[in-house]
Amino acid sequence: MLDRTKAPAINPVEQIQFVAPERIEVGSFTELLWVKEVDDEAVKIDFIFNAGKLRDSKIVAELSGELLLSGTPEMTSTEFNEAIDLLGGFVNVEVGSEDATVSIYGLTTTIAELIPIVMDAIINADFSQKEFDQQLQTLKQGFLIAQEKVSTIARRAFVERLLGNTDYGRLTQLEDFSSVDRTSLVDFHTAHYLKGLMKICVVGNIEPAIIEELVQRAKYLSAEEEYSFDYPFETKPASVYVKKDGAVQTAIRVGRILFNRTHEDYIAFSVLNTIFGGYFGSRLMSNIREDKGYTYGIGSGVAQFKESGYFFISTEVGKDVADAALAEIKKEMERLATEVIPAEELERVRSYSIGKLLKGSDGPFAMMDRYLAVERFGMDLSHYDEVIQTIRTITPERLQELAKKYLVWEDMIVVKAG
């Protein structure tokens, strides 16, 4: 009989039982990944193209993605959306720096009908002048509004200082909206969508015949080469202030070039970052929000590129306390380098980090995301065993060593806008 007066034993997590996707070749540089162990009728298909913002001006890449599903010579955007809705589906296009992803969400009962509709829209996108003019105006208005926000001003100044000598640091300018035309989008579509499909990711318990038909259709879009990314970063520490008349808040960005998850220190530094500013109970939140009341929120993290990455801190504070907030950020960096982290605090972060990892790995859709997060760097799912092991065993002394190496105020780019 169960004794409810005794708490159940707590068993430490050793590893996560991931299900690796099946791999199917589509072309010489294109593959399909398939996770079929799904208990319900939900299906998600991602088409990942070499159509990120690095491949042309950011506005051309962004507009191409926004208008990719806006109609063909045979089907208007309204007709396309109605067809998708009738089948209980949803389609989304997301354009990042290094690639663009077209996602289909549907059901096993209708996915066979959804696939050809979406692929026809991708292949035969005609970028009508009317749709182009409307979307260009929408983006321009959004751009002008964003330029009035201190958060945007700080982000742009930070990116310019951090990545300005690379394609990653190329910023959209107002004049870009006058120089782009429909032909630019047609050319971009031909070069980066029609021959730029790098990967298809399928999660769903669907019939093998549907997968085979998908593979055959996708061959038309297969990439013809393996794409590379250039990272000639030569960033130097700097302090930047951008004045914004009438602003009542100051946006702050602090950071430096760092690394991505392939680096030997990445996992351990991720633990350090969690303590510093990576969750609601972090030191930055406890000090600058809870204690000082300077902000509603502050956080830090590591942004990753295919070959590199950077560390950043982001917040907005009252204009009159901006310098005080920066002084507290600097103080928290120095504390991590000079004081050993208390055991209780570290144990709390261990529990949080492993819990977050487990939550983010729950179910086949999450597992596909976990797989892609390491596969893009040439790694496999065993990486997460190393993550768990590092979280469980890392010492306060090791974290202090990392803080001395990477959290050095004099190595940072510091931006204020307000």
Protein backbone atom coordinates (compact mmCIF):
# COMPACT_ATOMS: atom_id res chain seq x y z
CA MET A 1 0.00 0.00 0.00
CA LEU A 2 1.25 3.49 -0.90
CA ASP A 3 2.57 5.37 2.13
CA ARG A 4 1.54 8.98 1.50
CA THR A 5 3.48 10.24 4.52
CA LYS A 6 6.74 9.70 2.65
CA ALA A 7 7.84 11.86 -0.26
CA PRO A 8 8.77 9.97 -3.45
CA ALA A 9 12.45 9.52 -4.18
CA ILE A 10 14.10 12.14 -6.37
CA ASN A 11 16.05 10.52 -9.19
CA PRO A 12 18.60 12.67 -11.02
CA VAL A 13 18.20 12.96 -14.79
CA GLU A 14 21.02 11.14 -16.57
CA GLN A 15 19.90 11.54 -20.18
CA ILE A 16 16.92 12.19 -22.43
CA GLN A 17 15.63 9.38 -24.61
CA PHE A 18 15.48 11.18 -27.93
CA VAL A 19 14.11 9.71 -31.13
CA ALA A 20 16.39 10.61 -34.02
CA PRO A 21 14.60 11.37 -37.31
CA GLU A 22 14.80 9.12 -40.33
CA ARG A 23 16.90 10.69 -43.09
CA ILE A 24 15.88 10.52 -46.75
CA GLU A 25 17.95 11.95 -49.59
CA VAL A 26 16.15 14.47 -51.79
CA GLY A 27 19.11 15.81 -53.76
CA SER A 28 22.88 16.02 -53.55
CA PHE A 29 22.64 18.87 -51.01
CA THR A 30 19.07 18.39 -49.77
CA GLU A 31 17.57 15.89 -47.35
CA LEU A 32 14.28 15.12 -45.66
CA LEU A 33 14.15 14.41 -41.92
CA TRP A 34 11.12 12.51 -40.66
CA VAL A 35 9.90 11.86 -37.12
CA LYS A 36 6.90 9.58 -37.46
CA GLU A 37 6.34 8.56 -33.82
CA VAL A 38 3.40 10.93 -33.25
CA ASP A 39 0.38 9.78 -31.23
CA ASP A 40 -2.20 12.16 -32.70
CA GLU A 41 -3.18 13.55 -36.12
CA ALA A 42 -1.03 16.69 -35.93
CA VAL A 43 1.54 17.22 -38.71
CA LYS A 44 4.18 19.87 -39.23
CA ILE A 45 6.38 20.22 -42.32
CA ASP A 46 9.21 22.75 -42.54
CA PHE A 47 10.88 23.66 -45.84
CA ILE A 48 14.23 25.35 -45.10
CA PHE A 49 15.66 27.46 -47.93
CA ASN A 50 18.93 29.27 -48.52
CA ALA A 51 16.96 32.51 -48.59
CA GLY A 52 18.03 34.34 -45.45
CA LYS A 53 18.76 38.05 -45.19
CA LEU A 54 22.48 37.47 -45.81
CA ARG A 55 21.82 36.48 -49.41
CA ASP A 56 20.74 39.94 -50.56
CA SER A 57 19.72 43.23 -49.03
CA LYS A 58 17.62 42.51 -45.97
CA ILE A 59 14.57 44.16 -47.46
CA VAL A 60 14.68 42.01 -50.62
CA ALA A 61 14.92 38.82 -48.58
CA GLU A 62 12.22 39.96 -46.16
CA LEU A 63 9.82 41.06 -48.91
CA SER A 64 10.40 37.83 -50.83
CA GLY A 65 9.42 35.85 -47.76
CA GLU A 66 6.42 38.06 -46.98
CA LEU A 67 5.10 37.72 -50.54
CA LEU A 68 6.15 34.13 -51.24
CA LEU A 69 2.62 32.82 -50.65
CA SER A 70 0.79 35.86 -52.01
CA GLY A 71 -0.47 34.17 -55.15
CA THR A 72 0.36 32.57 -58.46
CA PRO A 73 -0.89 33.23 -62.03
CA GLU A 74 -3.63 30.67 -61.27
CA MET A 75 -4.50 31.49 -57.64
CA THR A 76 -4.80 34.77 -55.75
CA SER A 77 -3.60 35.14 -52.17
CA THR A 78 -7.24 35.14 -51.01
CA GLU A 79 -7.95 31.90 -52.86
CA PHE A 80 -4.76 30.36 -51.44
CA ASN A 81 -5.68 31.25 -47.86
CA GLU A 82 -9.25 30.00 -48.30
CA ALA A 83 -7.98 26.68 -49.67
CA ILE A 84 -5.64 26.26 -46.69
CA ASP A 85 -8.39 27.19 -44.21
CA LEU A 86 -10.87 24.71 -45.70
CA LEU A 87 -8.35 21.93 -45.12
CA GLY A 88 -7.79 22.96 -41.50
CA GLY A 89 -4.23 24.03 -42.19
CA PHE A 90 -1.98 26.96 -41.42
CA VAL A 91 1.11 28.20 -43.27
CA ASN A 92 3.84 30.50 -42.01
CA VAL A 93 7.02 31.98 -43.53
CA GLU A 94 9.89 33.07 -41.31
CA VAL A 95 12.99 34.79 -42.72
CA GLY A 96 16.12 34.71 -40.58
CA SER A 97 19.69 35.84 -41.18
CA GLU A 98 20.97 32.54 -42.59
CA ASP A 99 17.87 30.85 -43.98
CA ALA A 100 14.12 31.10 -44.54
CA THR A 101 11.56 28.53 -43.39
CA VAL A 102 8.12 27.79 -44.82
CA SER A 103 6.06 25.82 -42.29
CA ILE A 104 2.88 23.85 -42.94
CA TYR A 105 0.68 22.84 -40.00
CA GLY A 106 -2.07 20.34 -40.69
CA LEU A 107 -3.65 16.98 -39.97
CA THR A 108 -2.86 13.50 -41.24
CA THR A 109 -6.26 13.44 -42.99
CA THR A 110 -5.59 16.55 -45.09
CA ILE A 111 -1.81 16.91 -45.34
CA ALA A 112 -1.71 15.14 -48.72
CA GLU A 113 -3.92 17.93 -50.11
CA LEU A 114 -2.10 20.74 -48.32
CA ILE A 115 1.36 19.85 -49.64
CA PRO A 116 0.70 20.40 -53.38
CA ILE A 117 -1.16 23.66 -52.74
CA VAL A 118 1.72 25.12 -50.73
CA MET A 119 4.44 23.83 -53.03
CA ASP A 120 2.64 25.20 -56.07
CA ALA A 121 2.47 28.58 -54.33
CA ILE A 122 6.21 28.46 -53.59
CA ILE A 123 7.23 27.35 -57.07
CA ASN A 124 4.92 29.63 -59.05
CA ALA A 125 4.95 32.73 -56.86
CA ASP A 126 4.40 35.69 -59.18
CA PHE A 127 4.88 38.63 -56.78
CA SER A 128 2.12 40.74 -58.33
CA GLN A 129 2.82 44.46 -58.52
CA LYS A 130 -0.26 45.24 -56.42
CA GLU A 131 0.80 42.88 -53.60
CA PHE A 132 4.36 44.17 -53.86
CA ASP A 133 3.34 47.82 -53.55
CA GLN A 134 1.07 47.15 -50.57
CA GLN A 135 3.62 45.07 -48.66
CA LEU A 136 6.46 47.50 -49.40
CA GLN A 137 4.39 50.34 -47.97
CA THR A 138 3.49 48.27 -44.90
CA LEU A 139 7.15 47.44 -44.23
CA LYS A 140 8.20 51.04 -44.77
CA GLN A 141 5.63 52.34 -42.29
CA GLY A 142 6.72 49.70 -39.77
CA PHE A 143 10.33 50.71 -40.30
CA LEU A 144 9.60 54.41 -39.73
CA ILE A 145 7.64 53.69 -36.55
CA ALA A 146 10.37 51.40 -35.22
CA GLN A 147 13.05 54.05 -35.78
CA GLU A 148 11.36 56.21 -33.14
CA LYS A 149 11.79 53.56 -30.45
CA VAL A 150 14.88 53.66 -28.25
CA SER A 151 14.99 49.85 -28.29
CA THR A 152 15.39 49.87 -32.08
CA ILE A 153 17.96 52.68 -32.00
CA ALA A 154 20.05 50.80 -29.42
CA ARG A 155 19.77 47.48 -31.25
CA ARG A 156 20.90 49.02 -34.54
CA ALA A 157 23.82 50.83 -32.93
CA PHE A 158 24.84 47.63 -31.15
CA VAL A 159 24.66 45.52 -34.33
CA GLU A 160 26.61 48.14 -36.27
CA ARG A 161 29.43 48.12 -33.71
CA LEU A 162 29.38 44.36 -33.15
CA LEU A 163 28.88 43.03 -36.69
CA GLY A 164 29.24 46.09 -38.88
CA ASN A 165 32.14 44.79 -40.95
CA THR A 166 30.18 41.71 -42.08
CA ASP A 167 26.97 40.90 -43.93
CA TYR A 168 25.39 40.20 -40.54
CA GLY A 169 25.78 43.85 -39.64
CA ARG A 170 24.16 45.20 -42.79
CA LEU A 171 21.28 47.40 -41.63
CA THR A 172 18.15 48.34 -43.55
CA GLN A 173 18.12 52.03 -44.47
CA LEU A 174 15.18 54.22 -45.49
CA GLU A 175 16.55 54.60 -49.02
CA ASP A 176 16.39 50.80 -49.45
CA PHE A 177 12.62 51.09 -49.80
CA SER A 178 13.08 53.28 -52.87
CA SER A 179 15.70 51.11 -54.56
CA VAL A 180 13.86 47.78 -54.41
CA ASP A 181 11.45 46.70 -57.13
CA ARG A 182 9.41 43.65 -58.09
CA THR A 183 12.17 42.36 -60.39
CA SER A 184 14.53 42.15 -57.40
CA LEU A 185 12.11 39.74 -55.72
CA VAL A 186 11.65 37.63 -58.83
CA ASP A 187 15.42 37.26 -59.21
CA PHE A 188 15.85 36.46 -55.50
CA HIS A 189 13.09 33.84 -55.70
CA THR A 190 14.70 32.18 -58.70
CA ALA A 191 18.14 32.04 -57.09
CA HIS A 192 17.26 31.17 -53.51
CA TYR A 193 13.89 29.40 -53.48
CA LEU A 194 13.64 27.56 -56.79
CA LYS A 195 17.13 26.10 -56.36
CA GLY A 196 17.73 26.70 -52.68
CA LEU A 197 15.86 24.04 -50.70
CA MET A 198 18.30 22.68 -48.12
CA LYS A 199 16.13 20.63 -45.82
CA ILE A 200 12.59 19.32 -45.27
CA CYS A 201 11.60 18.45 -41.70
CA VAL A 202 8.48 16.35 -41.24
CA VAL A 203 6.87 15.51 -37.91
CA GLY A 204 3.75 13.38 -38.23
CA ASN A 205 2.41 9.85 -38.49
CA ILE A 206 1.65 10.05 -42.19
CA GLU A 207 1.69 7.46 -44.97
CA PRO A 208 5.05 6.60 -46.56
CA ALA A 209 3.48 7.21 -49.97
CA ILE A 210 2.89 10.84 -49.02
CA ILE A 211 6.54 11.18 -48.01
CA GLU A 212 7.63 9.68 -51.32
CA GLU A 213 5.43 12.10 -53.26
CA LEU A 214 6.81 14.98 -51.19
CA VAL A 215 10.38 13.91 -52.00
CA GLN A 216 9.61 13.77 -55.71
CA ARG A 217 8.00 17.21 -55.69
CA ALA A 218 10.87 18.68 -53.68
CA LYS A 219 13.54 17.51 -56.12
CA TYR A 220 12.56 20.46 -58.32
CA LEU A 221 13.63 22.85 -55.55
CA SER A 222 16.77 21.06 -54.36
CA ALA A 223 19.87 23.11 -53.61
CA GLU A 224 22.62 22.77 -56.19
CA GLU A 225 25.50 23.52 -53.85
CA GLU A 226 26.43 23.46 -50.17
CA TYR A 227 26.23 26.98 -48.83
CA SER A 228 28.87 28.62 -46.69
CA PHE A 229 28.86 31.63 -44.39
CA ASP A 230 31.67 34.15 -43.98
CA TYR A 231 32.54 35.53 -40.53
CA PRO A 232 35.39 38.05 -40.65
CA PHE A 233 34.54 39.55 -37.27
CA GLU A 234 36.98 42.21 -36.05
CA THR A 235 34.99 43.80 -33.25
CA LYS A 236 36.62 46.16 -30.78
CA PRO A 237 35.26 47.29 -27.39
CA ALA A 238 33.38 50.58 -27.54
CA SER A 239 31.04 52.87 -25.64
CA VAL A 240 28.25 54.43 -27.71
CA TYR A 241 25.57 56.92 -26.78
CA VAL A 242 22.76 57.79 -29.22
CA LYS A 243 20.67 60.76 -28.15
CA LYS A 244 16.89 60.60 -28.69
CA ASP A 245 15.09 63.86 -27.97
CA GLY A 246 11.98 63.47 -25.85
CA ALA A 247 12.74 59.92 -24.75
CA VAL A 248 11.76 59.07 -21.18
CA GLN A 249 13.59 55.73 -21.23
CA THR A 250 17.07 54.65 -22.21
CA ALA A 251 17.63 51.36 -24.02
CA ILE A 252 20.81 49.52 -23.10
CA ARG A 253 22.67 46.86 -25.07
CA VAL A 254 25.93 45.38 -23.86
CA GLY A 255 27.84 42.50 -25.42
CA ARG A 256 30.75 41.01 -27.30
CA ILE A 257 31.58 38.44 -29.97
CA LEU A 258 31.69 35.01 -28.36
CA PHE A 259 30.94 31.55 -29.81
CA ASN A 260 28.23 29.03 -30.64
CA ARG A 261 27.51 25.59 -29.19
CA THR A 262 30.47 23.95 -30.97
CA HIS A 263 32.89 25.74 -28.64
CA GLU A 264 34.32 23.78 -25.72
CA ASP A 265 33.12 26.40 -23.22
CA TYR A 266 29.60 26.86 -24.60
CA ILE A 267 27.70 24.54 -22.26
CA ALA A 268 29.49 25.72 -19.13
CA PHE A 269 29.09 29.35 -20.15
CA SER A 270 25.37 28.75 -20.66
CA VAL A 271 25.13 27.79 -16.97
CA LEU A 272 27.04 30.93 -16.04
CA ASN A 273 24.74 33.03 -18.24
CA THR A 274 21.66 31.56 -16.56
CA ILE A 275 23.00 32.68 -13.18
CA PHE A 276 23.93 36.09 -14.55
CA GLY A 277 20.88 37.03 -16.59
CA GLY A 278 19.32 33.99 -18.23
CA TYR A 279 16.15 33.47 -16.17
CA PHE A 280 13.71 35.33 -13.95
CA GLY A 281 15.68 34.54 -10.79
CA SER A 282 18.99 35.69 -12.27
CA ARG A 283 21.32 38.17 -10.62
CA LEU A 284 20.54 40.92 -13.12
CA MET A 285 16.80 40.55 -12.49
CA SER A 286 17.23 40.33 -8.72
CA ASN A 287 19.42 43.41 -8.60
CA ILE A 288 18.21 45.76 -11.33
CA ARG A 289 14.51 44.90 -11.30
CA GLU A 290 13.68 43.57 -7.85
CA ASP A 291 16.13 45.52 -5.70
CA LYS A 292 16.72 48.77 -7.58
CA GLY A 293 13.45 48.98 -9.53
CA TYR A 294 15.22 50.38 -12.59
CA THR A 295 13.41 48.21 -15.15
CA TYR A 296 10.54 45.82 -15.80
CA GLY A 297 12.91 43.29 -17.28
CA ILE A 298 16.54 42.62 -18.10
CA GLY A 299 18.21 39.56 -19.54
CA SER A 300 21.31 38.16 -21.15
CA GLY A 301 21.96 35.39 -23.64
CA VAL A 302 24.09 33.93 -26.42
CA ALA A 303 22.96 34.43 -30.03
CA GLN A 304 24.29 31.77 -32.38
CA PHE A 305 25.34 31.84 -36.01
CA LYS A 306 26.47 28.91 -38.12
CA GLU A 307 30.13 29.67 -37.46
CA SER A 308 30.13 32.03 -34.50
CA GLY A 309 27.94 33.84 -31.98
CA TYR A 310 27.76 36.71 -29.53
CA PHE A 311 26.89 37.45 -25.92
CA PHE A 312 24.39 40.21 -25.16
CA ILE A 313 22.57 42.00 -22.34
CA SER A 314 19.36 43.88 -23.08
CA THR A 315 17.12 46.19 -21.06
CA GLU A 316 15.28 49.51 -20.97
CA VAL A 317 15.48 51.73 -17.91
CA GLY A 318 14.44 55.20 -16.82
CA LYS A 319 16.59 57.84 -18.48
CA ASP A 320 17.73 59.22 -15.11
CA VAL A 321 19.02 55.82 -13.90
CA ALA A 322 20.75 54.61 -17.09
CA ASP A 323 24.28 55.14 -15.82
CA ALA A 324 23.39 53.61 -12.44
CA ALA A 325 21.96 50.55 -14.22
CA LEU A 326 25.15 50.13 -16.23
CA ALA A 327 27.19 50.40 -13.04
CA GLU A 328 25.11 47.59 -11.51
CA ILE A 329 25.54 45.40 -14.61
CA LYS A 330 29.28 45.91 -14.39
CA LYS A 331 29.22 45.15 -10.66
CA GLU A 332 27.37 41.85 -11.25
CA MET A 333 29.97 40.84 -13.84
CA GLU A 334 32.78 41.58 -11.42
CA ARG A 335 31.06 39.71 -8.59
CA LEU A 336 30.99 36.55 -10.69
CA ALA A 337 34.70 36.91 -11.37
CA THR A 338 35.73 37.68 -7.80
CA GLU A 339 33.25 35.80 -5.59
CA VAL A 340 32.53 32.08 -5.62
CA ILE A 341 28.88 31.32 -6.40
CA PRO A 342 27.06 29.96 -3.31
CA ALA A 343 26.13 26.27 -3.46
CA GLU A 344 22.43 26.97 -2.87
CA GLU A 345 22.25 29.36 -5.83
CA LEU A 346 24.06 26.94 -8.09
CA GLU A 347 21.76 24.05 -7.09
CA ARG A 348 18.74 26.20 -7.91
CA VAL A 349 20.13 26.92 -11.35
CA ARG A 350 20.97 23.25 -11.90
CA SER A 351 17.34 22.31 -11.22
CA TYR A 352 15.98 25.13 -13.38
CA SER A 353 18.30 24.34 -16.31
CA ILE A 354 17.59 20.62 -16.40
CA GLY A 355 13.87 21.27 -15.98
CA LYS A 356 13.91 23.72 -18.87
CA LEU A 357 15.78 21.22 -21.03
CA LEU A 358 13.25 18.49 -20.24
CA LYS A 359 10.29 20.76 -20.90
CA GLY A 360 11.78 21.85 -24.21
CA SER A 361 12.27 18.21 -25.25
CA ASP A 362 8.74 16.98 -24.53
CA GLY A 363 7.12 15.35 -27.53
CA PRO A 364 8.11 14.66 -31.14
CA PHE A 365 7.78 18.28 -32.33
CA ALA A 366 10.10 19.51 -29.58
CA MET A 367 12.49 16.66 -30.27
CA MET A 368 12.76 17.68 -33.92
CA ASP A 369 13.61 21.21 -32.79
CA ARG A 370 16.26 19.83 -30.43
CA TYR A 371 17.71 17.73 -33.24
CA LEU A 372 17.88 20.67 -35.66
CA ALA A 373 19.48 22.86 -33.00
CA VAL A 374 22.56 20.60 -32.96
CA GLU A 375 22.44 19.16 -36.49
CA ARG A 376 23.03 22.59 -38.04
CA PHE A 377 26.42 22.61 -36.29
CA GLY A 378 27.37 19.11 -37.39
CA MET A 379 26.57 17.62 -33.97
CA ASP A 380 24.22 14.86 -32.84
CA LEU A 381 21.79 14.26 -29.98
CA SER A 382 24.56 13.03 -27.67
CA HIS A 383 25.30 16.73 -27.19
CA TYR A 384 22.38 16.89 -24.76
CA ASP A 385 23.88 14.12 -22.61
CA GLU A 386 26.93 16.34 -22.31
CA VAL A 387 24.68 19.29 -21.43
CA ILE A 388 23.05 17.37 -18.59
CA GLN A 389 26.37 16.06 -17.32
CA THR A 390 27.88 19.55 -17.33
CA ILE A 391 24.90 21.09 -15.53
CA ARG A 392 25.03 18.40 -12.85
CA THR A 393 28.77 18.51 -12.22
CA ILE A 394 30.02 22.02 -12.95
CA THR A 395 31.73 23.63 -9.96
CA PRO A 396 31.61 27.21 -8.64
CA GLU A 397 35.34 27.44 -9.32
CA ARG A 398 34.86 26.56 -13.00
CA LEU A 399 32.12 29.18 -13.32
CA GLN A 400 34.33 31.80 -11.72
CA GLU A 401 37.09 30.93 -14.18
CA LEU A 402 34.70 31.47 -17.10
CA ALA A 403 33.53 34.79 -15.69
CA LYS A 404 37.12 36.01 -15.48
CA LYS A 405 37.65 34.96 -19.08
CA TYR A 406 34.47 36.11 -20.80
CA LEU A 407 32.58 38.56 -18.58
CA VAL A 408 35.14 41.34 -18.66
CA TRP A 409 33.61 44.82 -18.79
CA GLU A 410 36.54 46.28 -20.72
CA ASP A 411 35.92 43.76 -23.53
CA MET A 412 32.29 44.81 -24.02
CA ILE A 413 30.49 47.05 -26.50
CA VAL A 414 28.22 49.28 -24.42
CA VAL A 415 25.34 51.11 -26.10
CA LYS A 416 22.86 53.59 -24.64
CA ALA A 417 20.01 55.14 -26.63
CA GLY A 418 17.63 57.65 -25.13
